Amino acid sequence: MTLARKAFAEFVGTAGLLCAVIGSGIMAQRLSGGNTAIALLANTLATVWALFVLIEVFGPISGAHFNPVVTIVLALRGAPVNRQLMREAPLLIAAQLAGAVAGAWLAHAMFDMNLLQTSTKLRDGTGQWLAEAVATAGLILVILRAPAGKGSALVACYIGAAYWFTASTSFANPAAVLGRMLSDSFAGIAPASAPGFVAAQFVGGAAGMALARILQQPNSGTLR
């Protein structure tokens, strides 16, 4: 599989994920009549279903990371490190970030909203940052410990659960932070809140990798 095809798969997959997250948030907010719980439930279900499908579709091509933390962890987790993935990581991460932006814009276009937006939704505080660290640690642990062939379902289920048991609604992904930062919608996050979320996600990624090592050797790291 060429690096260009992997990067394109990461771009399209991340765009699809952010389009699903933001688009379902917009639709949920419009239809929920102000009931935040119903809106969050609808947003959660759409995200879970989309994530499962996207991992199944793009997993055989790029590994379906859609997340810079996942890419970095999978490159560093072995002994020795995965040198090929280390070389590929900058381009894959760039594709993920670009895909997140494209996904946000696509969601806006479908709902006749301005493409260029910045969220005003503040998400700050130690509870939010701890929640992001927990959410990301759990995600990495699931990815590294998932039995072969079950990764897509387990990751999707975990993210769906973490939407509800974490105070931050489980972004667990710096690319998702970027895309949601550019959407002043139900799923958005204000730029001022983004650095704390991203820092917590990388701390959580390191914690998840450490937990996986304590619990013996991780699997191959693929999501299928």
C-alpha atoms as a PDB file:
ATOM      1  CA  MET A   1       0.000   0.000   0.000  1.00  0.00           C
ATOM      2  CA  THR A   2       1.550   3.290  -1.073  1.00  0.00           C
ATOM      3  CA  LEU A   3       1.942   6.155   1.357  1.00  0.00           C
ATOM      4  CA  ALA A   4      -0.190   8.366  -0.877  1.00  0.00           C
ATOM      5  CA  ARG A   5      -3.091   5.914  -0.687  1.00  0.00           C
ATOM      6  CA  LYS A   6      -2.712   5.627   3.079  1.00  0.00           C
ATOM      7  CA  ALA A   7      -2.709   9.404   3.474  1.00  0.00           C
ATOM      8  CA  PHE A   8      -5.741   9.757   1.210  1.00  0.00           C
ATOM      9  CA  ALA A   9      -7.584   7.110   3.225  1.00  0.00           C
ATOM     10  CA  GLU A  10      -6.764   8.961   6.449  1.00  0.00           C
ATOM     11  CA  PHE A  11      -7.958  12.222   4.896  1.00  0.00           C
ATOM     12  CA  VAL A  12     -11.267  10.799   3.679  1.00  0.00           C
ATOM     13  CA  GLY A  13     -11.849   8.751   6.828  1.00  0.00           C
ATOM     14  CA  THR A  14     -11.178  11.650   9.184  1.00  0.00           C
ATOM     15  CA  ALA A  15     -13.341  13.930   7.055  1.00  0.00           C
ATOM     16  CA  GLY A  16     -16.143  11.381   7.223  1.00  0.00           C
ATOM     17  CA  LEU A  17     -15.806  11.079  10.981  1.00  0.00           C
ATOM     18  CA  LEU A  18     -15.902  14.835  11.606  1.00  0.00           C
ATOM     19  CA  CYS A  19     -18.732  15.280   9.135  1.00  0.00           C
ATOM     20  CA  ALA A  20     -20.713  12.668  11.067  1.00  0.00           C
ATOM     21  CA  VAL A  21     -19.899  14.177  14.466  1.00  0.00           C
ATOM     22  CA  ILE A  22     -20.650  17.768  13.501  1.00  0.00           C
ATOM     23  CA  GLY A  23     -23.491  17.063  11.085  1.00  0.00           C
ATOM     24  CA  SER A  24     -25.353  14.827  13.519  1.00  0.00           C
ATOM     25  CA  GLY A  25     -24.833  17.453  16.220  1.00  0.00           C
ATOM     26  CA  ILE A  26     -26.407  20.120  14.026  1.00  0.00           C
ATOM     27  CA  MET A  27     -29.353  17.891  13.111  1.00  0.00           C
ATOM     28  CA  ALA A  28     -29.819  16.763  16.713  1.00  0.00           C
ATOM     29  CA  GLN A  29     -29.828  20.315  18.008  1.00  0.00           C
ATOM     30  CA  ARG A  30     -32.393  21.371  15.409  1.00  0.00           C
ATOM     31  CA  LEU A  31     -34.749  18.476  16.099  1.00  0.00           C
ATOM     32  CA  SER A  32     -34.391  17.988  19.856  1.00  0.00           C
ATOM     33  CA  GLY A  33     -36.438  21.015  20.866  1.00  0.00           C
ATOM     34  CA  GLY A  34     -33.822  22.170  23.329  1.00  0.00           C
ATOM     35  CA  ASN A  35     -33.475  18.784  25.056  1.00  0.00           C
ATOM     36  CA  THR A  36     -29.704  18.470  25.424  1.00  0.00           C
ATOM     37  CA  ALA A  37     -29.839  14.832  26.539  1.00  0.00           C
ATOM     38  CA  ILE A  38     -31.749  13.798  23.394  1.00  0.00           C
ATOM     39  CA  ALA A  39     -29.372  15.811  21.233  1.00  0.00           C
ATOM     40  CA  LEU A  40     -26.333  14.166  22.829  1.00  0.00           C
ATOM     41  CA  LEU A  41     -27.869  10.714  22.434  1.00  0.00           C
ATOM     42  CA  ALA A  42     -28.507  11.300  18.730  1.00  0.00           C
ATOM     43  CA  ASN A  43     -24.995  12.700  18.287  1.00  0.00           C
ATOM     44  CA  THR A  44     -23.554   9.662  20.074  1.00  0.00           C
ATOM     45  CA  LEU A  45     -25.409   7.082  18.002  1.00  0.00           C
ATOM     46  CA  ALA A  46     -24.486   8.693  14.700  1.00  0.00           C
ATOM     47  CA  THR A  47     -20.834   8.903  15.744  1.00  0.00           C
ATOM     48  CA  VAL A  48     -20.716   5.265  16.862  1.00  0.00           C
ATOM     49  CA  TRP A  49     -22.252   3.946  13.664  1.00  0.00           C
ATOM     50  CA  ALA A  50     -20.107   6.137  11.426  1.00  0.00           C
ATOM     51  CA  LEU A  51     -16.915   5.243  13.296  1.00  0.00           C
ATOM     52  CA  PHE A  52     -17.553   1.512  12.976  1.00  0.00           C
ATOM     53  CA  VAL A  53     -18.214   1.790   9.232  1.00  0.00           C
ATOM     54  CA  LEU A  54     -15.221   4.031   8.600  1.00  0.00           C
ATOM     55  CA  ILE A  55     -12.833   1.726  10.459  1.00  0.00           C
ATOM     56  CA  GLU A  56     -14.119  -1.287   8.521  1.00  0.00           C
ATOM     57  CA  VAL A  57     -13.812   0.521   5.189  1.00  0.00           C
ATOM     58  CA  PHE A  58     -10.444   2.216   5.638  1.00  0.00           C
ATOM     59  CA  GLY A  59      -8.752  -0.155   8.087  1.00  0.00           C
ATOM     60  CA  PRO A  60      -7.289  -2.395   5.358  1.00  0.00           C
ATOM     61  CA  ILE A  61      -5.792   0.639   3.606  1.00  0.00           C
ATOM     62  CA  SER A  62      -4.287   2.854   6.304  1.00  0.00           C
ATOM     63  CA  GLY A  63      -5.129   1.205   9.617  1.00  0.00           C
ATOM     64  CA  ALA A  64      -7.979   3.698  10.102  1.00  0.00           C
ATOM     65  CA  HIS A  65      -6.239   5.829  12.712  1.00  0.00           C
ATOM     66  CA  PHE A  66      -8.109   9.119  12.019  1.00  0.00           C
ATOM     67  CA  ASN A  67      -6.269  10.443  15.075  1.00  0.00           C
ATOM     68  CA  PRO A  68      -2.713  11.833  15.515  1.00  0.00           C
ATOM     69  CA  VAL A  69      -2.405  10.307  18.990  1.00  0.00           C
ATOM     70  CA  VAL A  70      -3.226   6.860  17.623  1.00  0.00           C
ATOM     71  CA  THR A  71      -0.703   7.229  14.798  1.00  0.00           C
ATOM     72  CA  ILE A  72       2.062   8.306  17.177  1.00  0.00           C
ATOM     73  CA  VAL A  73       1.294   5.573  19.715  1.00  0.00           C
ATOM     74  CA  LEU A  74       1.291   2.850  17.065  1.00  0.00           C
ATOM     75  CA  ALA A  75       4.620   4.120  15.782  1.00  0.00           C
ATOM     76  CA  LEU A  76       6.226   4.178  19.240  1.00  0.00           C
ATOM     77  CA  ARG A  77       4.664   1.195  20.971  1.00  0.00           C
ATOM     78  CA  GLY A  78       7.059  -1.530  19.849  1.00  0.00           C
ATOM     79  CA  ALA A  79      10.608  -2.353  20.776  1.00  0.00           C
ATOM     80  CA  PRO A  80      12.127  -1.337  18.430  1.00  0.00           C
ATOM     81  CA  VAL A  81       9.759   1.356  17.261  1.00  0.00           C
ATOM     82  CA  ASN A  82       7.920   1.028  13.954  1.00  0.00           C
ATOM     83  CA  ARG A  83      10.347   2.977  11.785  1.00  0.00           C
ATOM     84  CA  GLN A  84       8.155   2.831   8.698  1.00  0.00           C
ATOM     85  CA  LEU A  85       5.196   4.326  10.523  1.00  0.00           C
ATOM     86  CA  MET A  86       7.496   6.913  12.115  1.00  0.00           C
ATOM     87  CA  ARG A  87       8.516   8.029   8.623  1.00  0.00           C
ATOM     88  CA  GLU A  88       4.919   8.038   7.430  1.00  0.00           C
ATOM     89  CA  ALA A  89       3.455   9.731  10.514  1.00  0.00           C
ATOM     90  CA  PRO A  90       3.968  13.388   9.500  1.00  0.00           C
ATOM     91  CA  LEU A  91       2.072  12.947   6.242  1.00  0.00           C
ATOM     92  CA  LEU A  92      -0.639  10.794   7.831  1.00  0.00           C
ATOM     93  CA  ILE A  93      -1.170  13.328  10.623  1.00  0.00           C
ATOM     94  CA  ALA A  94      -1.282  16.189   8.130  1.00  0.00           C
ATOM     95  CA  ALA A  95      -3.927  14.261   6.179  1.00  0.00           C
ATOM     96  CA  GLN A  96      -5.931  13.688   9.358  1.00  0.00           C
ATOM     97  CA  LEU A  97      -5.884  17.380  10.268  1.00  0.00           C
ATOM     98  CA  ALA A  98      -6.826  18.427   6.738  1.00  0.00           C
ATOM     99  CA  GLY A  99      -9.597  15.843   6.723  1.00  0.00           C
ATOM    100  CA  ALA A 100     -10.987  17.179   9.986  1.00  0.00           C
ATOM    101  CA  VAL A 101     -11.244  20.665   8.509  1.00  0.00           C
ATOM    102  CA  ALA A 102     -12.821  19.332   5.306  1.00  0.00           C
ATOM    103  CA  GLY A 103     -15.332  17.299   7.328  1.00  0.00           C
ATOM    104  CA  ALA A 104     -16.413  20.356   9.313  1.00  0.00           C
ATOM    105  CA  TRP A 105     -16.860  22.406   6.149  1.00  0.00           C
ATOM    106  CA  LEU A 106     -18.820  19.610   4.459  1.00  0.00           C
ATOM    107  CA  ALA A 107     -21.206  19.384   7.404  1.00  0.00           C
ATOM    108  CA  HIS A 108     -21.759  23.132   7.285  1.00  0.00           C
ATOM    109  CA  ALA A 109     -22.399  23.050   3.552  1.00  0.00           C
ATOM    110  CA  MET A 110     -25.020  20.316   3.875  1.00  0.00           C
ATOM    111  CA  PHE A 111     -26.928  22.323   6.482  1.00  0.00           C
ATOM    112  CA  ASP A 112     -26.659  25.641   4.578  1.00  0.00           C
ATOM    113  CA  MET A 113     -24.402  27.172   7.204  1.00  0.00           C
ATOM    114  CA  ASN A 114     -21.394  29.428   6.709  1.00  0.00           C
ATOM    115  CA  LEU A 115     -18.389  27.277   5.885  1.00  0.00           C
ATOM    116  CA  LEU A 116     -15.962  29.388   7.880  1.00  0.00           C
ATOM    117  CA  GLN A 117     -16.854  29.429  11.554  1.00  0.00           C
ATOM    118  CA  THR A 118     -15.154  29.445  14.929  1.00  0.00           C
ATOM    119  CA  SER A 119     -16.810  27.833  17.922  1.00  0.00           C
ATOM    120  CA  THR A 120     -17.726  29.910  20.963  1.00  0.00           C
ATOM    121  CA  LYS A 121     -18.375  26.865  23.179  1.00  0.00           C
ATOM    122  CA  LEU A 122     -15.927  26.964  26.096  1.00  0.00           C
ATOM    123  CA  ARG A 123     -14.887  23.595  27.532  1.00  0.00           C
ATOM    124  CA  ASP A 124     -12.437  24.365  30.331  1.00  0.00           C
ATOM    125  CA  GLY A 125     -11.437  23.147  33.770  1.00  0.00           C
ATOM    126  CA  THR A 126      -9.535  20.313  35.391  1.00  0.00           C
ATOM    127  CA  GLY A 127     -12.540  17.995  35.164  1.00  0.00           C
ATOM    128  CA  GLN A 128     -12.719  18.443  31.394  1.00  0.00           C
ATOM    129  CA  TRP A 129      -8.978  17.893  30.989  1.00  0.00           C
ATOM    130  CA  LEU A 130      -9.006  14.825  33.203  1.00  0.00           C
ATOM    131  CA  ALA A 131     -11.956  13.494  31.205  1.00  0.00           C
ATOM    132  CA  GLU A 132     -10.015  13.882  27.962  1.00  0.00           C
ATOM    133  CA  ALA A 133      -6.997  12.112  29.430  1.00  0.00           C
ATOM    134  CA  VAL A 134      -9.221   9.250  30.623  1.00  0.00           C
ATOM    135  CA  ALA A 135     -11.078   9.052  27.311  1.00  0.00           C
ATOM    136  CA  THR A 136      -7.862   8.930  25.285  1.00  0.00           C
ATOM    137  CA  ALA A 137      -6.143   6.455  27.601  1.00  0.00           C
ATOM    138  CA  GLY A 138      -9.119   4.135  27.306  1.00  0.00           C
ATOM    139  CA  LEU A 139      -9.191   4.480  23.525  1.00  0.00           C
ATOM    140  CA  ILE A 140      -5.512   3.597  23.197  1.00  0.00           C
ATOM    141  CA  LEU A 141      -5.878   0.670  25.568  1.00  0.00           C
ATOM    142  CA  VAL A 142      -8.818  -0.676  23.554  1.00  0.00           C
ATOM    143  CA  ILE A 143      -6.910  -0.322  20.274  1.00  0.00           C
ATOM    144  CA  LEU A 144      -3.787  -2.043  21.586  1.00  0.00           C
ATOM    145  CA  ARG A 145      -5.599  -4.826  23.424  1.00  0.00           C
ATOM    146  CA  ALA A 146      -8.533  -5.520  21.090  1.00  0.00           C
ATOM    147  CA  PRO A 147      -8.652  -9.132  19.852  1.00  0.00           C
ATOM    148  CA  ALA A 148      -8.003  -9.518  16.140  1.00  0.00           C
ATOM    149  CA  GLY A 149     -11.053  -8.700  14.054  1.00  0.00           C
ATOM    150  CA  LYS A 150     -12.923  -6.958  16.861  1.00  0.00           C
ATOM    151  CA  GLY A 151     -11.170  -3.603  16.981  1.00  0.00           C
ATOM    152  CA  SER A 152     -13.700  -1.661  14.916  1.00  0.00           C
ATOM    153  CA  ALA A 153     -16.653  -2.714  17.058  1.00  0.00           C
ATOM    154  CA  LEU A 154     -14.803  -2.250  20.346  1.00  0.00           C
ATOM    155  CA  VAL A 155     -13.490   1.197  19.433  1.00  0.00           C
ATOM    156  CA  ALA A 156     -16.913   2.366  18.277  1.00  0.00           C
ATOM    157  CA  CYS A 157     -18.583   1.004  21.410  1.00  0.00           C
ATOM    158  CA  TYR A 158     -15.970   2.548  23.681  1.00  0.00           C
ATOM    159  CA  ILE A 159     -16.306   5.989  22.101  1.00  0.00           C
ATOM    160  CA  GLY A 160     -20.093   5.748  22.384  1.00  0.00           C
ATOM    161  CA  ALA A 161     -19.843   4.917  26.066  1.00  0.00           C
ATOM    162  CA  ALA A 162     -17.228   7.592  26.698  1.00  0.00           C
ATOM    163  CA  TYR A 163     -19.540  10.235  25.242  1.00  0.00           C
ATOM    164  CA  TRP A 164     -21.598   9.684  28.392  1.00  0.00           C
ATOM    165  CA  PHE A 165     -19.196   8.729  31.164  1.00  0.00           C
ATOM    166  CA  THR A 166     -16.671  11.523  30.555  1.00  0.00           C
ATOM    167  CA  ALA A 167     -17.338  15.173  31.355  1.00  0.00           C
ATOM    168  CA  SER A 168     -15.838  16.241  28.020  1.00  0.00           C
ATOM    169  CA  THR A 169     -18.003  13.898  25.874  1.00  0.00           C
ATOM    170  CA  SER A 170     -14.823  12.153  24.750  1.00  0.00           C
ATOM    171  CA  PHE A 171     -13.119  13.992  21.914  1.00  0.00           C
ATOM    172  CA  ALA A 172      -9.999  11.814  22.487  1.00  0.00           C
ATOM    173  CA  ASN A 173      -8.517  13.076  19.213  1.00  0.00           C
ATOM    174  CA  PRO A 174      -6.544  16.247  18.349  1.00  0.00           C
ATOM    175  CA  ALA A 175      -7.893  16.154  14.781  1.00  0.00           C
ATOM    176  CA  ALA A 176     -11.427  16.132  16.177  1.00  0.00           C
ATOM    177  CA  VAL A 177     -10.534  19.138  18.328  1.00  0.00           C
ATOM    178  CA  LEU A 178      -9.414  21.037  15.216  1.00  0.00           C
ATOM    179  CA  GLY A 179     -12.525  20.190  13.219  1.00  0.00           C
ATOM    180  CA  ARG A 180     -14.900  20.935  16.071  1.00  0.00           C
ATOM    181  CA  MET A 181     -13.059  24.171  16.840  1.00  0.00           C
ATOM    182  CA  LEU A 182     -14.089  25.345  13.362  1.00  0.00           C
ATOM    183  CA  SER A 183     -17.798  24.715  13.934  1.00  0.00           C
ATOM    184  CA  ASP A 184     -19.980  26.965  16.081  1.00  0.00           C
ATOM    185  CA  SER A 185     -22.473  24.159  16.609  1.00  0.00           C
ATOM    186  CA  PHE A 186     -23.555  21.598  19.195  1.00  0.00           C
ATOM    187  CA  ALA A 187     -20.288  19.659  18.860  1.00  0.00           C
ATOM    188  CA  GLY A 188     -17.974  22.678  18.843  1.00  0.00           C
ATOM    189  CA  ILE A 189     -15.134  23.705  21.116  1.00  0.00           C
ATOM    190  CA  ALA A 190     -13.787  27.247  21.470  1.00  0.00           C
ATOM    191  CA  PRO A 191     -10.186  27.801  20.283  1.00  0.00           C
ATOM    192  CA  ALA A 192      -9.235  28.957  23.792  1.00  0.00           C
ATOM    193  CA  SER A 193     -10.211  25.520  25.128  1.00  0.00           C
ATOM    194  CA  ALA A 194      -8.379  23.529  22.464  1.00  0.00           C
ATOM    195  CA  PRO A 195      -4.802  23.532  23.887  1.00  0.00           C
ATOM    196  CA  GLY A 196      -5.894  22.033  27.201  1.00  0.00           C
ATOM    197  CA  PHE A 197      -7.832  19.286  25.420  1.00  0.00           C
ATOM    198  CA  VAL A 198      -4.962  18.395  23.096  1.00  0.00           C
ATOM    199  CA  ALA A 199      -2.408  18.314  25.914  1.00  0.00           C
ATOM    200  CA  ALA A 200      -4.679  16.066  27.968  1.00  0.00           C
ATOM    201  CA  GLN A 201      -5.148  13.751  24.988  1.00  0.00           C
ATOM    202  CA  PHE A 202      -1.422  13.234  24.556  1.00  0.00           C
ATOM    203  CA  VAL A 203      -1.030  12.577  28.282  1.00  0.00           C
ATOM    204  CA  GLY A 204      -3.871  10.078  28.038  1.00  0.00           C
ATOM    205  CA  GLY A 205      -2.285   8.451  25.001  1.00  0.00           C
ATOM    206  CA  ALA A 206       0.936   7.874  26.935  1.00  0.00           C
ATOM    207  CA  ALA A 207      -1.030   6.475  29.864  1.00  0.00           C
ATOM    208  CA  GLY A 208      -2.971   4.129  27.603  1.00  0.00           C
ATOM    209  CA  MET A 209       0.222   2.842  26.026  1.00  0.00           C
ATOM    210  CA  ALA A 210       1.740   2.267  29.471  1.00  0.00           C
ATOM    211  CA  LEU A 211      -1.357   0.353  30.602  1.00  0.00           C
ATOM    212  CA  ALA A 212      -1.207  -1.848  27.512  1.00  0.00           C
ATOM    213  CA  ARG A 213       2.430  -2.676  28.227  1.00  0.00           C
ATOM    214  CA  ILE A 214       1.641  -3.567  31.823  1.00  0.00           C
ATOM    215  CA  LEU A 215      -1.090  -5.891  30.568  1.00  0.00           C
ATOM    216  CA  GLN A 216       1.373  -7.782  28.361  1.00  0.00           C
ATOM    217  CA  GLN A 217       2.173  -7.364  24.705  1.00  0.00           C
ATOM    218  CA  PRO A 218      -0.329  -5.473  22.531  1.00  0.00           C
ATOM    219  CA  ASN A 219      -1.718  -6.972  19.363  1.00  0.00           C
ATOM    220  CA  SER A 220      -0.677  -5.943  15.865  1.00  0.00           C
ATOM    221  CA  GLY A 221      -2.314  -2.532  16.245  1.00  0.00           C
ATOM    222  CA  THR A 222      -4.689  -2.921  13.314  1.00  0.00           C
ATOM    223  CA  LEU A 223      -8.373  -2.293  13.856  1.00  0.00           C
ATOM    224  CA  ARG A 224      -9.517  -5.342  11.914  1.00  0.00           C
END
